[in-house]
Amino acid sequence: MMKKQLKLYLNKHSIYYILGLFILATGICLIIDSKLGASPWDLLCLGLYNKTGISVGTWQIINNIVMIIITKGLFQKKWNFICLIPSVLLGLFIDIMYTYTSLITLPSMISLMMGCMMSGLGLAIYIHQGLSANAIDNFMHSLQVYKRLSTGTSKIICDFIPISIILLLGIQLQITTILIYVLVPLWMQAFYKLLQMKPTLLVIT
């Protein structure tokens, strides 16, 4: 009976976990298509894509693998390869949706705002399921746990990594990156509170 309940729980939450990552990927692609900027990590992937021709989604996966190695080296934890599950899924979804969203013609600011909202919704849904976070979020969590840093400080340190590489590679850092940096967490927080208040909206009973 216990195994059956666990299987139902995982099946139920896995569906929404994957859905959240899919919505997040769509939001990221809409932001990229706006050509007004992107979040630090997505901007790094986009810049590397423009320089190498390797897809944005593939760079998303590569960057997460690097962060798994960095987390292991800094905090001497066990290898946390489970973080690759959301990383690979997100990378694949980005590459799939980037093909389709690029065919949609929207005013740049509308594409940006829709992308921020969808990114926030996707993050809220996938985090709400309580399953594995990606390697970048796991690194930020490790800073909080092992270095006793606040969420804000951990976030700044985590985003300093891609920003540093962006500047070193000469990738253009647009001012709207700051806007995206602010809007996506705000949308995520709003949607996450909604999910906590009305869990039946997005959880199979």
C-alpha atoms as a PDB file:
ATOM      1  CA  MET A   1       0.000   0.000   0.000  1.00  0.00           C
ATOM      2  CA  MET A   2       2.837   2.357   0.916  1.00  0.00           C
ATOM      3  CA  LYS A   3       4.648   1.649  -2.370  1.00  0.00           C
ATOM      4  CA  LYS A   4       1.439   2.260  -4.317  1.00  0.00           C
ATOM      5  CA  GLN A   5       0.905   5.614  -2.588  1.00  0.00           C
ATOM      6  CA  LEU A   6       4.525   6.618  -3.243  1.00  0.00           C
ATOM      7  CA  LYS A   7       4.177   5.680  -6.910  1.00  0.00           C
ATOM      8  CA  LEU A   8       0.979   7.719  -7.224  1.00  0.00           C
ATOM      9  CA  TYR A   9       2.656  10.664  -5.491  1.00  0.00           C
ATOM     10  CA  LEU A  10       5.657  10.602  -7.816  1.00  0.00           C
ATOM     11  CA  ASN A  11       3.509  10.165 -10.935  1.00  0.00           C
ATOM     12  CA  LYS A  12       1.235  12.997  -9.901  1.00  0.00           C
ATOM     13  CA  HIS A  13       4.006  15.423  -9.079  1.00  0.00           C
ATOM     14  CA  SER A  14       6.224  14.379 -11.989  1.00  0.00           C
ATOM     15  CA  ILE A  15       3.560  15.472 -14.474  1.00  0.00           C
ATOM     16  CA  TYR A  16       3.397  18.978 -13.031  1.00  0.00           C
ATOM     17  CA  TYR A  17       7.143  19.052 -12.502  1.00  0.00           C
ATOM     18  CA  ILE A  18       7.689  18.469 -16.233  1.00  0.00           C
ATOM     19  CA  LEU A  19       4.863  20.887 -17.114  1.00  0.00           C
ATOM     20  CA  GLY A  20       6.507  23.584 -14.989  1.00  0.00           C
ATOM     21  CA  LEU A  21       9.845  23.098 -16.753  1.00  0.00           C
ATOM     22  CA  PHE A  22       8.094  23.245 -20.141  1.00  0.00           C
ATOM     23  CA  ILE A  23       6.362  26.523 -19.264  1.00  0.00           C
ATOM     24  CA  LEU A  24       9.651  27.898 -17.902  1.00  0.00           C
ATOM     25  CA  ALA A  25      11.434  26.979 -21.158  1.00  0.00           C
ATOM     26  CA  THR A  26       8.703  28.699 -23.195  1.00  0.00           C
ATOM     27  CA  GLY A  27       9.062  31.812 -21.061  1.00  0.00           C
ATOM     28  CA  ILE A  28      12.840  31.828 -21.526  1.00  0.00           C
ATOM     29  CA  CYS A  29      12.417  31.542 -25.306  1.00  0.00           C
ATOM     30  CA  LEU A  30       9.913  34.422 -25.383  1.00  0.00           C
ATOM     31  CA  ILE A  31      12.363  36.589 -23.434  1.00  0.00           C
ATOM     32  CA  ILE A  32      15.180  35.692 -25.831  1.00  0.00           C
ATOM     33  CA  ASP A  33      12.929  36.390 -28.831  1.00  0.00           C
ATOM     34  CA  SER A  34      12.206  39.887 -27.505  1.00  0.00           C
ATOM     35  CA  LYS A  35      15.883  40.700 -28.175  1.00  0.00           C
ATOM     36  CA  LEU A  36      15.764  42.989 -25.156  1.00  0.00           C
ATOM     37  CA  GLY A  37      17.984  40.851 -22.948  1.00  0.00           C
ATOM     38  CA  ALA A  38      17.740  37.760 -20.762  1.00  0.00           C
ATOM     39  CA  SER A  39      18.493  36.620 -17.226  1.00  0.00           C
ATOM     40  CA  PRO A  40      22.241  36.262 -16.483  1.00  0.00           C
ATOM     41  CA  TRP A  41      22.421  32.486 -17.023  1.00  0.00           C
ATOM     42  CA  ASP A  42      20.183  32.540 -20.113  1.00  0.00           C
ATOM     43  CA  LEU A  43      22.106  35.476 -21.548  1.00  0.00           C
ATOM     44  CA  LEU A  44      25.325  33.498 -21.105  1.00  0.00           C
ATOM     45  CA  CYS A  45      23.790  30.525 -22.960  1.00  0.00           C
ATOM     46  CA  LEU A  46      22.575  32.831 -25.729  1.00  0.00           C
ATOM     47  CA  GLY A  47      25.976  34.507 -26.027  1.00  0.00           C
ATOM     48  CA  LEU A  48      27.776  31.160 -26.176  1.00  0.00           C
ATOM     49  CA  TYR A  49      25.301  29.988 -28.822  1.00  0.00           C
ATOM     50  CA  ASN A  50      26.049  33.063 -30.949  1.00  0.00           C
ATOM     51  CA  LYS A  51      29.794  32.457 -30.598  1.00  0.00           C
ATOM     52  CA  THR A  52      29.876  28.676 -31.097  1.00  0.00           C
ATOM     53  CA  GLY A  53      26.675  27.668 -32.885  1.00  0.00           C
ATOM     54  CA  ILE A  54      25.945  25.135 -30.132  1.00  0.00           C
ATOM     55  CA  SER A  55      22.275  25.456 -29.159  1.00  0.00           C
ATOM     56  CA  VAL A  56      21.026  27.485 -26.189  1.00  0.00           C
ATOM     57  CA  GLY A  57      19.524  24.371 -24.613  1.00  0.00           C
ATOM     58  CA  THR A  58      22.777  22.434 -24.925  1.00  0.00           C
ATOM     59  CA  TRP A  59      24.669  25.244 -23.211  1.00  0.00           C
ATOM     60  CA  GLN A  60      22.013  25.195 -20.487  1.00  0.00           C
ATOM     61  CA  ILE A  61      22.875  21.531 -19.849  1.00  0.00           C
ATOM     62  CA  ILE A  62      26.655  22.112 -20.054  1.00  0.00           C
ATOM     63  CA  ASN A  63      26.490  25.001 -17.581  1.00  0.00           C
ATOM     64  CA  ASN A  64      24.546  22.850 -15.128  1.00  0.00           C
ATOM     65  CA  ILE A  65      27.134  20.069 -15.399  1.00  0.00           C
ATOM     66  CA  VAL A  66      29.851  22.631 -14.619  1.00  0.00           C
ATOM     67  CA  MET A  67      27.867  23.823 -11.584  1.00  0.00           C
ATOM     68  CA  ILE A  68      27.563  20.242 -10.295  1.00  0.00           C
ATOM     69  CA  ILE A  69      31.377  19.979 -10.447  1.00  0.00           C
ATOM     70  CA  ILE A  70      31.845  23.378  -8.745  1.00  0.00           C
ATOM     71  CA  THR A  71      29.364  22.486  -5.982  1.00  0.00           C
ATOM     72  CA  LYS A  72      31.155  19.187  -5.359  1.00  0.00           C
ATOM     73  CA  GLY A  73      34.550  20.927  -5.254  1.00  0.00           C
ATOM     74  CA  LEU A  74      33.520  23.768  -2.934  1.00  0.00           C
ATOM     75  CA  PHE A  75      31.322  21.934  -0.479  1.00  0.00           C
ATOM     76  CA  GLN A  76      32.775  18.389  -0.649  1.00  0.00           C
ATOM     77  CA  LYS A  77      29.321  16.887  -0.976  1.00  0.00           C
ATOM     78  CA  LYS A  78      28.428  13.689  -2.769  1.00  0.00           C
ATOM     79  CA  TRP A  79      27.904  13.988  -6.503  1.00  0.00           C
ATOM     80  CA  ASN A  80      24.355  15.222  -7.016  1.00  0.00           C
ATOM     81  CA  PHE A  81      23.683  13.988 -10.533  1.00  0.00           C
ATOM     82  CA  ILE A  82      19.933  14.016  -9.931  1.00  0.00           C
ATOM     83  CA  CYS A  83      20.175  17.763 -10.600  1.00  0.00           C
ATOM     84  CA  LEU A  84      20.767  16.849 -14.224  1.00  0.00           C
ATOM     85  CA  ILE A  85      17.162  15.657 -14.619  1.00  0.00           C
ATOM     86  CA  PRO A  86      15.585  19.149 -14.591  1.00  0.00           C
ATOM     87  CA  SER A  87      18.661  20.584 -16.341  1.00  0.00           C
ATOM     88  CA  VAL A  88      18.412  18.182 -19.296  1.00  0.00           C
ATOM     89  CA  LEU A  89      14.635  18.525 -19.531  1.00  0.00           C
ATOM     90  CA  LEU A  90      14.853  22.322 -19.490  1.00  0.00           C
ATOM     91  CA  GLY A  91      17.610  22.310 -22.102  1.00  0.00           C
ATOM     92  CA  LEU A  92      15.618  20.038 -24.402  1.00  0.00           C
ATOM     93  CA  PHE A  93      12.444  22.086 -23.970  1.00  0.00           C
ATOM     94  CA  ILE A  94      14.318  25.318 -24.728  1.00  0.00           C
ATOM     95  CA  ASP A  95      15.690  23.922 -27.983  1.00  0.00           C
ATOM     96  CA  ILE A  96      12.246  22.637 -28.986  1.00  0.00           C
ATOM     97  CA  MET A  97      10.342  25.814 -28.119  1.00  0.00           C
ATOM     98  CA  TYR A  98      13.005  28.170 -29.495  1.00  0.00           C
ATOM     99  CA  THR A  99      12.107  26.882 -32.961  1.00  0.00           C
ATOM    100  CA  TYR A 100       8.414  27.684 -32.512  1.00  0.00           C
ATOM    101  CA  THR A 101       8.534  30.935 -30.514  1.00  0.00           C
ATOM    102  CA  SER A 102      10.867  32.456 -33.116  1.00  0.00           C
ATOM    103  CA  LEU A 103       8.035  32.071 -35.646  1.00  0.00           C
ATOM    104  CA  ILE A 104       5.695  34.187 -33.500  1.00  0.00           C
ATOM    105  CA  THR A 105       5.831  37.898 -34.253  1.00  0.00           C
ATOM    106  CA  LEU A 106       5.139  39.939 -31.121  1.00  0.00           C
ATOM    107  CA  PRO A 107       6.172  43.446 -30.111  1.00  0.00           C
ATOM    108  CA  SER A 108       9.449  43.156 -28.189  1.00  0.00           C
ATOM    109  CA  MET A 109       8.121  44.492 -24.885  1.00  0.00           C
ATOM    110  CA  ILE A 110       5.045  42.223 -24.985  1.00  0.00           C
ATOM    111  CA  SER A 111       7.268  39.210 -25.716  1.00  0.00           C
ATOM    112  CA  LEU A 112       9.510  40.209 -22.807  1.00  0.00           C
ATOM    113  CA  MET A 113       6.644  40.667 -20.356  1.00  0.00           C
ATOM    114  CA  MET A 114       4.910  37.447 -21.412  1.00  0.00           C
ATOM    115  CA  GLY A 115       8.227  35.621 -21.093  1.00  0.00           C
ATOM    116  CA  CYS A 116       8.805  36.950 -17.567  1.00  0.00           C
ATOM    117  CA  MET A 117       5.293  35.948 -16.500  1.00  0.00           C
ATOM    118  CA  MET A 118       5.569  32.453 -17.990  1.00  0.00           C
ATOM    119  CA  SER A 119       9.033  31.966 -16.501  1.00  0.00           C
ATOM    120  CA  GLY A 120       7.680  32.883 -13.080  1.00  0.00           C
ATOM    121  CA  LEU A 121       4.728  30.522 -13.500  1.00  0.00           C
ATOM    122  CA  GLY A 122       6.942  27.671 -14.684  1.00  0.00           C
ATOM    123  CA  LEU A 123       9.350  28.138 -11.788  1.00  0.00           C
ATOM    124  CA  ALA A 124       6.507  28.222  -9.262  1.00  0.00           C
ATOM    125  CA  ILE A 125       4.911  25.030 -10.605  1.00  0.00           C
ATOM    126  CA  TYR A 126       8.127  23.013 -10.801  1.00  0.00           C
ATOM    127  CA  ILE A 127       9.437  24.156  -7.407  1.00  0.00           C
ATOM    128  CA  HIS A 128       6.032  23.566  -5.782  1.00  0.00           C
ATOM    129  CA  GLN A 129       6.254  19.843  -6.568  1.00  0.00           C
ATOM    130  CA  GLY A 130       9.131  19.390  -4.092  1.00  0.00           C
ATOM    131  CA  LEU A 131      11.279  17.351  -6.476  1.00  0.00           C
ATOM    132  CA  SER A 132      14.891  17.996  -7.553  1.00  0.00           C
ATOM    133  CA  ALA A 133      16.066  21.514  -8.405  1.00  0.00           C
ATOM    134  CA  ASN A 134      18.607  22.110 -11.174  1.00  0.00           C
ATOM    135  CA  ALA A 135      22.338  22.348 -10.463  1.00  0.00           C
ATOM    136  CA  ILE A 136      22.408  26.173 -10.443  1.00  0.00           C
ATOM    137  CA  ASP A 137      19.627  26.395  -7.824  1.00  0.00           C
ATOM    138  CA  ASN A 138      21.313  23.595  -5.854  1.00  0.00           C
ATOM    139  CA  PHE A 139      24.560  25.603  -5.796  1.00  0.00           C
ATOM    140  CA  MET A 140      22.668  28.611  -4.429  1.00  0.00           C
ATOM    141  CA  HIS A 141      21.021  26.416  -1.779  1.00  0.00           C
ATOM    142  CA  SER A 142      24.445  25.007  -0.807  1.00  0.00           C
ATOM    143  CA  LEU A 143      25.738  28.547  -0.226  1.00  0.00           C
ATOM    144  CA  GLN A 144      22.867  29.128   2.170  1.00  0.00           C
ATOM    145  CA  VAL A 145      23.329  25.856   4.053  1.00  0.00           C
ATOM    146  CA  TYR A 146      27.121  25.480   4.190  1.00  0.00           C
ATOM    147  CA  LYS A 147      28.229  29.134   4.160  1.00  0.00           C
ATOM    148  CA  ARG A 148      25.243  30.431   6.155  1.00  0.00           C
ATOM    149  CA  LEU A 149      24.525  33.128   3.600  1.00  0.00           C
ATOM    150  CA  SER A 150      21.172  34.810   3.064  1.00  0.00           C
ATOM    151  CA  THR A 151      19.037  34.027   0.025  1.00  0.00           C
ATOM    152  CA  GLY A 152      19.795  37.440  -1.455  1.00  0.00           C
ATOM    153  CA  THR A 153      23.563  37.126  -1.008  1.00  0.00           C
ATOM    154  CA  SER A 154      23.543  33.584  -2.387  1.00  0.00           C
ATOM    155  CA  LYS A 155      21.588  34.756  -5.432  1.00  0.00           C
ATOM    156  CA  ILE A 156      24.059  37.608  -6.066  1.00  0.00           C
ATOM    157  CA  ILE A 157      27.044  35.239  -5.857  1.00  0.00           C
ATOM    158  CA  CYS A 158      25.337  32.680  -8.089  1.00  0.00           C
ATOM    159  CA  ASP A 159      24.513  35.260 -10.778  1.00  0.00           C
ATOM    160  CA  PHE A 160      27.963  36.849 -10.518  1.00  0.00           C
ATOM    161  CA  ILE A 161      29.379  33.721 -12.202  1.00  0.00           C
ATOM    162  CA  PRO A 162      27.588  34.124 -15.569  1.00  0.00           C
ATOM    163  CA  ILE A 163      27.893  37.923 -15.495  1.00  0.00           C
ATOM    164  CA  SER A 164      31.671  37.613 -15.069  1.00  0.00           C
ATOM    165  CA  ILE A 165      31.923  35.215 -18.023  1.00  0.00           C
ATOM    166  CA  ILE A 166      29.638  37.461 -20.099  1.00  0.00           C
ATOM    167  CA  LEU A 167      31.919  40.442 -19.499  1.00  0.00           C
ATOM    168  CA  LEU A 168      35.064  38.396 -20.197  1.00  0.00           C
ATOM    169  CA  LEU A 169      33.660  37.133 -23.492  1.00  0.00           C
ATOM    170  CA  GLY A 170      32.511  40.584 -24.543  1.00  0.00           C
ATOM    171  CA  ILE A 171      28.836  39.588 -24.691  1.00  0.00           C
ATOM    172  CA  GLN A 172      26.510  42.581 -24.603  1.00  0.00           C
ATOM    173  CA  LEU A 173      24.878  42.978 -21.188  1.00  0.00           C
ATOM    174  CA  GLN A 174      21.625  44.877 -21.682  1.00  0.00           C
ATOM    175  CA  ILE A 175      19.956  47.014 -19.023  1.00  0.00           C
ATOM    176  CA  THR A 176      16.734  44.981 -19.335  1.00  0.00           C
ATOM    177  CA  THR A 177      18.606  42.068 -17.746  1.00  0.00           C
ATOM    178  CA  ILE A 178      18.037  43.888 -14.452  1.00  0.00           C
ATOM    179  CA  LEU A 179      14.307  44.190 -15.233  1.00  0.00           C
ATOM    180  CA  ILE A 180      14.092  40.461 -15.970  1.00  0.00           C
ATOM    181  CA  TYR A 181      16.119  39.745 -12.828  1.00  0.00           C
ATOM    182  CA  VAL A 182      13.427  41.539 -10.797  1.00  0.00           C
ATOM    183  CA  LEU A 183      10.225  40.569 -12.634  1.00  0.00           C
ATOM    184  CA  VAL A 184      10.693  36.793 -12.873  1.00  0.00           C
ATOM    185  CA  PRO A 185      11.127  36.265  -9.085  1.00  0.00           C
ATOM    186  CA  LEU A 186       8.151  38.555  -8.410  1.00  0.00           C
ATOM    187  CA  TRP A 187       5.915  36.544 -10.733  1.00  0.00           C
ATOM    188  CA  MET A 188       7.270  33.306  -9.264  1.00  0.00           C
ATOM    189  CA  GLN A 189       6.485  34.451  -5.730  1.00  0.00           C
ATOM    190  CA  ALA A 190       2.952  35.512  -6.702  1.00  0.00           C
ATOM    191  CA  PHE A 191       2.174  32.221  -8.467  1.00  0.00           C
ATOM    192  CA  TYR A 192       3.784  30.169  -5.694  1.00  0.00           C
ATOM    193  CA  LYS A 193       1.542  31.819  -3.082  1.00  0.00           C
ATOM    194  CA  LEU A 194      -1.465  31.044  -5.282  1.00  0.00           C
ATOM    195  CA  LEU A 195      -0.444  27.389  -5.487  1.00  0.00           C
ATOM    196  CA  GLN A 196      -0.110  27.211  -1.703  1.00  0.00           C
ATOM    197  CA  MET A 197      -3.531  28.805  -1.201  1.00  0.00           C
ATOM    198  CA  LYS A 198      -5.337  26.697  -3.818  1.00  0.00           C
ATOM    199  CA  PRO A 199      -3.289  23.512  -4.345  1.00  0.00           C
ATOM    200  CA  THR A 200      -6.207  21.735  -6.043  1.00  0.00           C
ATOM    201  CA  LEU A 201      -5.783  23.997  -9.065  1.00  0.00           C
ATOM    202  CA  LEU A 202      -2.585  22.245 -10.068  1.00  0.00           C
ATOM    203  CA  VAL A 203      -2.482  18.995  -8.116  1.00  0.00           C
ATOM    204  CA  ILE A 204      -4.349  15.867  -9.171  1.00  0.00           C
ATOM    205  CA  THR A 205      -6.454  14.462  -6.358  1.00  0.00           C
END
